[in-house]
Amino acid sequence: MEELKQRIREEGIVIDSNILKVDRFLNHQIDPGLMKKIAERFAHTFADTGVSKVLTIESSGIAPALMTGLALNVPVLFARKKKPSTLNEDSLVTNIQSYTKSTNNLVYLEKIMLSADDRILIVDDFLANGEASLGLTRLVEMAGATVAGVCIVIEKSFQLGRSRLDHAGYPVYSLARISSLANNKITFLDD
C-alpha cells in the first residue's frame, strides 16, 4: 500500500535499528482516513473467508481492527492486558511478551465472546517477533474457534514473526513489509 509506505518514509522515526515509531498516524495519533483505507484492504483480502469477528490486543491494534470490523460488518474484540474485576472465572488467558516494552503480559478475553463457529481475523499494528499474533491465535484456539487469517499494518520482515506464523500455518497479510531499519534508513522488501 503505497500511501502507507509514504507515510512511514516521511513520518517514521527509527530507534536503535529495530524499532519504528509511527505515532503521528498509527498508534498515538490516528489518521482515520488512512485507517479506513487500511481496513478496506484487509476486508477485501479476507472477504471470502467467512470472517465472523475481528480480534486484536489493546491498545495500538484497536484502531485498524475497529475499522476492519466496520468494513466487514462484524464485531470487534480486543484482548485486555490488565485483568478487569468484571472478568469471568472461566475466561481465556495467555502470556505474551511485548517486544517494544520488553515485558511479559497476561492477556485476557471473555470466553463467551468466541464460539466454535467463529472465524476470527486477527488485526494488529506491527509484526516483529510474532508474540502478540501468536498469543491471539492461542486465545482463538482455546475457544475452539478458527483463525481465518492475520492482518498486519507494518511488518518488520527482518524479525521472526512472519516465519513463526507461516510455520504455524496461519495466512498472513501485511501492508508494509520492512526489510531493514539499519542506519536509520527504512527499506521495504519491494524497494
C-alpha atoms as a PDB file:
ATOM      1  CA  MET A   1       0.000   0.000   0.000  1.00  0.00           C
ATOM      2  CA  GLU A   2       1.918   2.936  -1.341  1.00  0.00           C
ATOM      3  CA  GLU A   3       0.240   5.646   0.751  1.00  0.00           C
ATOM      4  CA  LEU A   4       1.129   3.811   3.958  1.00  0.00           C
ATOM      5  CA  LYS A   5       4.735   3.343   2.836  1.00  0.00           C
ATOM      6  CA  GLN A   6       4.985   7.028   2.002  1.00  0.00           C
ATOM      7  CA  ARG A   7       3.722   7.990   5.468  1.00  0.00           C
ATOM      8  CA  ILE A   8       6.236   5.605   7.035  1.00  0.00           C
ATOM      9  CA  ARG A   9       9.081   7.144   4.979  1.00  0.00           C
ATOM     10  CA  GLU A  10       8.043  10.718   5.795  1.00  0.00           C
ATOM     11  CA  GLU A  11       6.943  10.408   9.418  1.00  0.00           C
ATOM     12  CA  GLY A  12       8.518   7.219  10.760  1.00  0.00           C
ATOM     13  CA  ILE A  13      11.351   7.502  13.251  1.00  0.00           C
ATOM     14  CA  VAL A  14      13.849   4.652  13.550  1.00  0.00           C
ATOM     15  CA  ILE A  15      15.025   3.821  17.071  1.00  0.00           C
ATOM     16  CA  ASP A  16      18.064   1.538  17.501  1.00  0.00           C
ATOM     17  CA  SER A  17      17.682  -0.165  14.081  1.00  0.00           C
ATOM     18  CA  ASN A  18      14.918  -2.386  15.498  1.00  0.00           C
ATOM     19  CA  ILE A  19      12.023  -0.130  16.449  1.00  0.00           C
ATOM     20  CA  LEU A  20       9.963   2.086  14.173  1.00  0.00           C
ATOM     21  CA  LYS A  21       7.978   4.896  15.766  1.00  0.00           C
ATOM     22  CA  VAL A  22       4.888   5.860  13.748  1.00  0.00           C
ATOM     23  CA  ASP A  23       2.894   7.634  16.418  1.00  0.00           C
ATOM     24  CA  ARG A  24       1.871  10.520  14.140  1.00  0.00           C
ATOM     25  CA  PHE A  25      -0.626   8.388  12.192  1.00  0.00           C
ATOM     26  CA  LEU A  26      -0.958   4.859  13.607  1.00  0.00           C
ATOM     27  CA  ASN A  27      -0.580   4.283  17.316  1.00  0.00           C
ATOM     28  CA  HIS A  28      -0.729   7.539  19.252  1.00  0.00           C
ATOM     29  CA  GLN A  29      -2.341   9.980  16.885  1.00  0.00           C
ATOM     30  CA  ILE A  30      -4.531   8.127  14.389  1.00  0.00           C
ATOM     31  CA  ASP A  31      -5.283   9.185  10.822  1.00  0.00           C
ATOM     32  CA  PRO A  32      -8.891   7.968  10.321  1.00  0.00           C
ATOM     33  CA  GLY A  33      -8.716   8.310   6.518  1.00  0.00           C
ATOM     34  CA  LEU A  34      -5.626   6.136   6.356  1.00  0.00           C
ATOM     35  CA  MET A  35      -7.181   3.646   8.823  1.00  0.00           C
ATOM     36  CA  LYS A  36     -10.219   3.394   6.550  1.00  0.00           C
ATOM     37  CA  LYS A  37      -8.025   2.555   3.544  1.00  0.00           C
ATOM     38  CA  ILE A  38      -6.051   0.013   5.572  1.00  0.00           C
ATOM     39  CA  ALA A  39      -9.272  -1.631   6.753  1.00  0.00           C
ATOM     40  CA  GLU A  40     -10.683  -1.767   3.239  1.00  0.00           C
ATOM     41  CA  ARG A  41      -7.564  -3.650   2.052  1.00  0.00           C
ATOM     42  CA  PHE A  42      -7.809  -6.099   4.944  1.00  0.00           C
ATOM     43  CA  ALA A  43     -11.553  -6.598   4.406  1.00  0.00           C
ATOM     44  CA  HIS A  44     -11.127  -7.097   0.659  1.00  0.00           C
ATOM     45  CA  THR A  45      -8.339  -9.659   1.164  1.00  0.00           C
ATOM     46  CA  PHE A  46     -10.372 -11.765   3.607  1.00  0.00           C
ATOM     47  CA  ALA A  47     -13.888 -11.041   2.273  1.00  0.00           C
ATOM     48  CA  ASP A  48     -14.482 -14.611   1.098  1.00  0.00           C
ATOM     49  CA  THR A  49     -13.196 -16.405   4.186  1.00  0.00           C
ATOM     50  CA  GLY A  50     -16.332 -16.166   6.331  1.00  0.00           C
ATOM     51  CA  VAL A  51     -14.864 -13.881   8.987  1.00  0.00           C
ATOM     52  CA  SER A  52     -17.353 -13.546  11.846  1.00  0.00           C
ATOM     53  CA  LYS A  53     -15.273 -11.410  14.234  1.00  0.00           C
ATOM     54  CA  VAL A  54     -12.097  -9.345  14.313  1.00  0.00           C
ATOM     55  CA  LEU A  55      -9.679  -9.733  17.240  1.00  0.00           C
ATOM     56  CA  THR A  56      -6.791  -7.543  18.364  1.00  0.00           C
ATOM     57  CA  ILE A  57      -4.880  -6.720  21.513  1.00  0.00           C
ATOM     58  CA  GLU A  58      -5.086  -3.417  23.329  1.00  0.00           C
ATOM     59  CA  SER A  59      -4.217  -0.776  22.565  1.00  0.00           C
ATOM     60  CA  SER A  60      -2.479   0.041  19.274  1.00  0.00           C
ATOM     61  CA  GLY A  61      -4.316  -2.617  17.297  1.00  0.00           C
ATOM     62  CA  ILE A  62      -7.748  -1.273  18.194  1.00  0.00           C
ATOM     63  CA  ALA A  63      -7.940   1.451  15.504  1.00  0.00           C
ATOM     64  CA  PRO A  64      -7.162  -0.775  12.483  1.00  0.00           C
ATOM     65  CA  ALA A  65      -9.222  -3.628  13.977  1.00  0.00           C
ATOM     66  CA  LEU A  66     -12.263  -1.437  14.570  1.00  0.00           C
ATOM     67  CA  MET A  67     -12.151  -0.048  11.042  1.00  0.00           C
ATOM     68  CA  THR A  68     -11.716  -3.587   9.646  1.00  0.00           C
ATOM     69  CA  GLY A  69     -14.718  -4.785  11.636  1.00  0.00           C
ATOM     70  CA  LEU A  70     -16.700  -1.885  10.229  1.00  0.00           C
ATOM     71  CA  ALA A  71     -15.609  -2.732   6.664  1.00  0.00           C
ATOM     72  CA  LEU A  72     -16.554  -6.406   7.176  1.00  0.00           C
ATOM     73  CA  ASN A  73     -19.675  -5.544   9.213  1.00  0.00           C
ATOM     74  CA  VAL A  74     -18.634  -7.866  12.061  1.00  0.00           C
ATOM     75  CA  PRO A  75     -17.983  -7.347  15.795  1.00  0.00           C
ATOM     76  CA  VAL A  76     -14.513  -6.437  17.068  1.00  0.00           C
ATOM     77  CA  LEU A  77     -12.931  -7.900  20.202  1.00  0.00           C
ATOM     78  CA  PHE A  78      -9.756  -6.930  21.961  1.00  0.00           C
ATOM     79  CA  ALA A  79      -7.720  -8.917  24.434  1.00  0.00           C
ATOM     80  CA  ARG A  80      -7.052  -6.962  27.604  1.00  0.00           C
ATOM     81  CA  LYS A  81      -3.607  -6.531  29.106  1.00  0.00           C
ATOM     82  CA  LYS A  82      -4.961  -5.977  32.595  1.00  0.00           C
ATOM     83  CA  LYS A  83      -7.452  -8.238  34.272  1.00  0.00           C
ATOM     84  CA  PRO A  84     -10.687  -6.316  34.852  1.00  0.00           C
ATOM     85  CA  SER A  85     -12.625  -7.001  38.042  1.00  0.00           C
ATOM     86  CA  THR A  86     -15.635  -7.970  35.914  1.00  0.00           C
ATOM     87  CA  LEU A  87     -13.821 -10.816  34.131  1.00  0.00           C
ATOM     88  CA  ASN A  88     -15.469 -14.226  34.464  1.00  0.00           C
ATOM     89  CA  GLU A  89     -13.519 -17.008  36.154  1.00  0.00           C
ATOM     90  CA  ASP A  90     -13.567 -19.180  33.025  1.00  0.00           C
ATOM     91  CA  SER A  91     -12.035 -16.501  30.800  1.00  0.00           C
ATOM     92  CA  LEU A  92      -9.286 -17.220  28.298  1.00  0.00           C
ATOM     93  CA  VAL A  93      -5.765 -16.209  29.359  1.00  0.00           C
ATOM     94  CA  THR A  94      -2.368 -16.436  27.683  1.00  0.00           C
ATOM     95  CA  ASN A  95       1.082 -14.944  28.175  1.00  0.00           C
ATOM     96  CA  ILE A  96       2.524 -12.581  25.549  1.00  0.00           C
ATOM     97  CA  GLN A  97       5.959 -10.983  25.517  1.00  0.00           C
ATOM     98  CA  SER A  98       5.958  -7.342  24.367  1.00  0.00           C
ATOM     99  CA  TYR A  99       8.822  -6.622  22.001  1.00  0.00           C
ATOM    100  CA  THR A 100       8.853  -2.832  22.413  1.00  0.00           C
ATOM    101  CA  LYS A 101       8.252  -2.838  26.160  1.00  0.00           C
ATOM    102  CA  SER A 102      10.397  -5.905  26.999  1.00  0.00           C
ATOM    103  CA  THR A 103       7.743  -7.227  29.353  1.00  0.00           C
ATOM    104  CA  ASN A 104       5.592 -10.306  29.671  1.00  0.00           C
ATOM    105  CA  ASN A 105       1.871  -9.702  29.912  1.00  0.00           C
ATOM    106  CA  LEU A 106      -1.017 -11.958  30.646  1.00  0.00           C
ATOM    107  CA  VAL A 107      -3.823 -11.073  28.259  1.00  0.00           C
ATOM    108  CA  TYR A 108      -7.473 -11.828  28.875  1.00  0.00           C
ATOM    109  CA  LEU A 109     -10.548 -12.459  26.761  1.00  0.00           C
ATOM    110  CA  GLU A 110     -14.039 -13.390  27.893  1.00  0.00           C
ATOM    111  CA  LYS A 111     -14.622 -16.968  26.756  1.00  0.00           C
ATOM    112  CA  ILE A 112     -18.272 -16.276  25.904  1.00  0.00           C
ATOM    113  CA  MET A 113     -17.170 -13.798  23.223  1.00  0.00           C
ATOM    114  CA  LEU A 114     -15.999 -16.642  20.946  1.00  0.00           C
ATOM    115  CA  SER A 115     -17.665 -19.860  19.849  1.00  0.00           C
ATOM    116  CA  ALA A 116     -16.556 -22.879  17.841  1.00  0.00           C
ATOM    117  CA  ASP A 117     -18.482 -21.462  14.858  1.00  0.00           C
ATOM    118  CA  ASP A 118     -16.442 -18.249  14.768  1.00  0.00           C
ATOM    119  CA  ARG A 119     -13.872 -17.500  12.080  1.00  0.00           C
ATOM    120  CA  ILE A 120     -11.560 -14.861  13.539  1.00  0.00           C
ATOM    121  CA  LEU A 121      -9.473 -12.311  11.678  1.00  0.00           C
ATOM    122  CA  ILE A 122      -6.584 -11.100  13.829  1.00  0.00           C
ATOM    123  CA  VAL A 123      -5.513  -7.488  13.172  1.00  0.00           C
ATOM    124  CA  ASP A 124      -2.527  -5.682  14.675  1.00  0.00           C
ATOM    125  CA  ASP A 125      -0.411  -2.623  14.013  1.00  0.00           C
ATOM    126  CA  PHE A 126       3.026  -4.303  13.971  1.00  0.00           C
ATOM    127  CA  LEU A 127       4.521  -7.728  13.432  1.00  0.00           C
ATOM    128  CA  ALA A 128       8.002  -8.164  14.912  1.00  0.00           C
ATOM    129  CA  ASN A 129       8.667 -11.492  16.624  1.00  0.00           C
ATOM    130  CA  GLY A 130       5.043 -12.603  16.359  1.00  0.00           C
ATOM    131  CA  GLU A 131       4.331 -12.846  20.073  1.00  0.00           C
ATOM    132  CA  ALA A 132       1.118 -10.790  20.022  1.00  0.00           C
ATOM    133  CA  SER A 133      -0.304 -12.509  16.949  1.00  0.00           C
ATOM    134  CA  LEU A 134       0.593 -15.988  18.202  1.00  0.00           C
ATOM    135  CA  GLY A 135      -0.864 -15.163  21.617  1.00  0.00           C
ATOM    136  CA  LEU A 136      -4.122 -14.128  19.963  1.00  0.00           C
ATOM    137  CA  THR A 137      -4.172 -17.343  17.923  1.00  0.00           C
ATOM    138  CA  ARG A 138      -3.832 -19.280  21.190  1.00  0.00           C
ATOM    139  CA  LEU A 139      -6.881 -17.482  22.617  1.00  0.00           C
ATOM    140  CA  VAL A 140      -8.881 -18.273  19.472  1.00  0.00           C
ATOM    141  CA  GLU A 141      -7.902 -21.928  19.600  1.00  0.00           C
ATOM    142  CA  MET A 142      -8.638 -22.172  23.348  1.00  0.00           C
ATOM    143  CA  ALA A 143     -12.195 -21.153  22.479  1.00  0.00           C
ATOM    144  CA  GLY A 144     -12.405 -23.783  19.739  1.00  0.00           C
ATOM    145  CA  ALA A 145     -12.777 -21.097  17.066  1.00  0.00           C
ATOM    146  CA  THR A 146     -10.822 -20.865  13.796  1.00  0.00           C
ATOM    147  CA  VAL A 147      -8.209 -18.299  12.767  1.00  0.00           C
ATOM    148  CA  ALA A 148      -9.195 -17.031   9.301  1.00  0.00           C
ATOM    149  CA  GLY A 149      -6.008 -15.004   8.968  1.00  0.00           C
ATOM    150  CA  VAL A 150      -3.664 -12.420  10.433  1.00  0.00           C
ATOM    151  CA  CYS A 151      -3.601  -8.837   9.109  1.00  0.00           C
ATOM    152  CA  ILE A 152      -0.660  -6.592   9.921  1.00  0.00           C
ATOM    153  CA  VAL A 153      -0.278  -2.906   9.124  1.00  0.00           C
ATOM    154  CA  ILE A 154       3.547  -2.846   9.349  1.00  0.00           C
ATOM    155  CA  GLU A 155       5.696  -5.971   9.297  1.00  0.00           C
ATOM    156  CA  LYS A 156       9.357  -5.931  10.279  1.00  0.00           C
ATOM    157  CA  SER A 157      10.368  -8.754   7.949  1.00  0.00           C
ATOM    158  CA  PHE A 158      13.895  -8.876   9.337  1.00  0.00           C
ATOM    159  CA  GLN A 159      12.453 -10.344  12.542  1.00  0.00           C
ATOM    160  CA  LEU A 160      10.946 -13.796  13.086  1.00  0.00           C
ATOM    161  CA  GLY A 161       7.224 -13.010  13.290  1.00  0.00           C
ATOM    162  CA  ARG A 162       6.137 -13.953   9.782  1.00  0.00           C
ATOM    163  CA  SER A 163       8.159 -17.165   9.688  1.00  0.00           C
ATOM    164  CA  ARG A 164       6.683 -18.201  13.044  1.00  0.00           C
ATOM    165  CA  LEU A 165       3.122 -17.531  11.817  1.00  0.00           C
ATOM    166  CA  ASP A 166       3.807 -19.229   8.465  1.00  0.00           C
ATOM    167  CA  HIS A 167       5.269 -22.239  10.265  1.00  0.00           C
ATOM    168  CA  ALA A 168       2.128 -22.441  12.423  1.00  0.00           C
ATOM    169  CA  GLY A 169       0.008 -22.424   9.238  1.00  0.00           C
ATOM    170  CA  TYR A 170      -1.740 -19.058   9.540  1.00  0.00           C
ATOM    171  CA  PRO A 171      -2.362 -16.893   6.463  1.00  0.00           C
ATOM    172  CA  VAL A 172      -0.571 -13.555   6.971  1.00  0.00           C
ATOM    173  CA  TYR A 173      -1.302 -10.358   5.046  1.00  0.00           C
ATOM    174  CA  SER A 174       0.910  -7.318   5.675  1.00  0.00           C
ATOM    175  CA  LEU A 175       0.502  -3.936   4.026  1.00  0.00           C
ATOM    176  CA  ALA A 176       4.050  -2.607   4.515  1.00  0.00           C
ATOM    177  CA  ARG A 177       6.903  -5.112   4.794  1.00  0.00           C
ATOM    178  CA  ILE A 178      10.113  -3.550   6.065  1.00  0.00           C
ATOM    179  CA  SER A 179      13.329  -5.411   5.291  1.00  0.00           C
ATOM    180  CA  SER A 180      15.673  -3.168   7.275  1.00  0.00           C
ATOM    181  CA  LEU A 181      15.869  -0.228   9.653  1.00  0.00           C
ATOM    182  CA  ALA A 182      19.680  -0.192   9.653  1.00  0.00           C
ATOM    183  CA  ASN A 183      21.494   3.152   9.722  1.00  0.00           C
ATOM    184  CA  ASN A 184      18.199   4.943  10.433  1.00  0.00           C
ATOM    185  CA  LYS A 185      17.022   4.123   6.893  1.00  0.00           C
ATOM    186  CA  ILE A 186      13.663   2.481   6.256  1.00  0.00           C
ATOM    187  CA  THR A 187      13.892  -0.108   3.488  1.00  0.00           C
ATOM    188  CA  PHE A 188      10.880  -2.064   2.244  1.00  0.00           C
ATOM    189  CA  LEU A 189      11.037  -5.586   0.831  1.00  0.00           C
ATOM    190  CA  ASP A 190       9.822  -4.396  -2.557  1.00  0.00           C
ATOM    191  CA  ASP A 191      12.262  -1.426  -2.804  1.00  0.00           C
END
